[in-house]
Amino acid sequence: MRLRNAVLSLGLVVWAPAAALADDPDLIFRKTTVWKFLSPDHKLGTYAIDDPDVEGVACYFTVPEKGGWVGWLGLSEELSNASLSCRQVGPIKFKRKLSQGDEAFSQRRSLIFKRMQIVRGCDAKRNVLVYLVYTDKMIEGSPENSTSSVPISPWGEATPPMKCADWISD
């Protein structure tokens, strides 16, 4: 009994500060994929984020979430799978100069070693923002990834749309 309480306390102490540090994405919905008896189910969670540096772009991503007691405590290593879809949701405005491959969002997928990242770049020839989601590990990365693109279009304005090449450089 003492060991169980110690493990639960340690899990809460380690997990709580980390959860507070992350800028949480908006949960759209979750769907159960594996039912678990007397513990949380395995699920797919679909989330939304607004690009923090490019106003008018939102990205939606879906990731697997482990259930069970270890998953509930935040001690499990999540799978590297992720899907991504980004869209223009308003007039595009760059808040600052950016570099190719700059991070738009990051989230831990395990207690210490794994992190999911969404990075952005610019296809200057086509004036398209390109987003990539992937998971890395401290020692070995993952080939699991997904890409989405956002053509920069006028949004109810008489002026031409911004050029990503003016704001994102190599």
Foldseek 3Di string as FASTA:
>chain_A
DVVVVVVLVVLCVLPVVQVVPFPDFAWPDKDFDADDPPKDGWIKTKTKDAQPFKPQKMKIKIFIQHMDPCSVSQADQGDWAMEMEMEGRAAIDGNAAAEFFAWRHKDARHSPFKMKTKTWGAPQVQQKIKIKITMQTPVGGDPHMYMYIYRRADGPDPDGGDRVPVRYYD
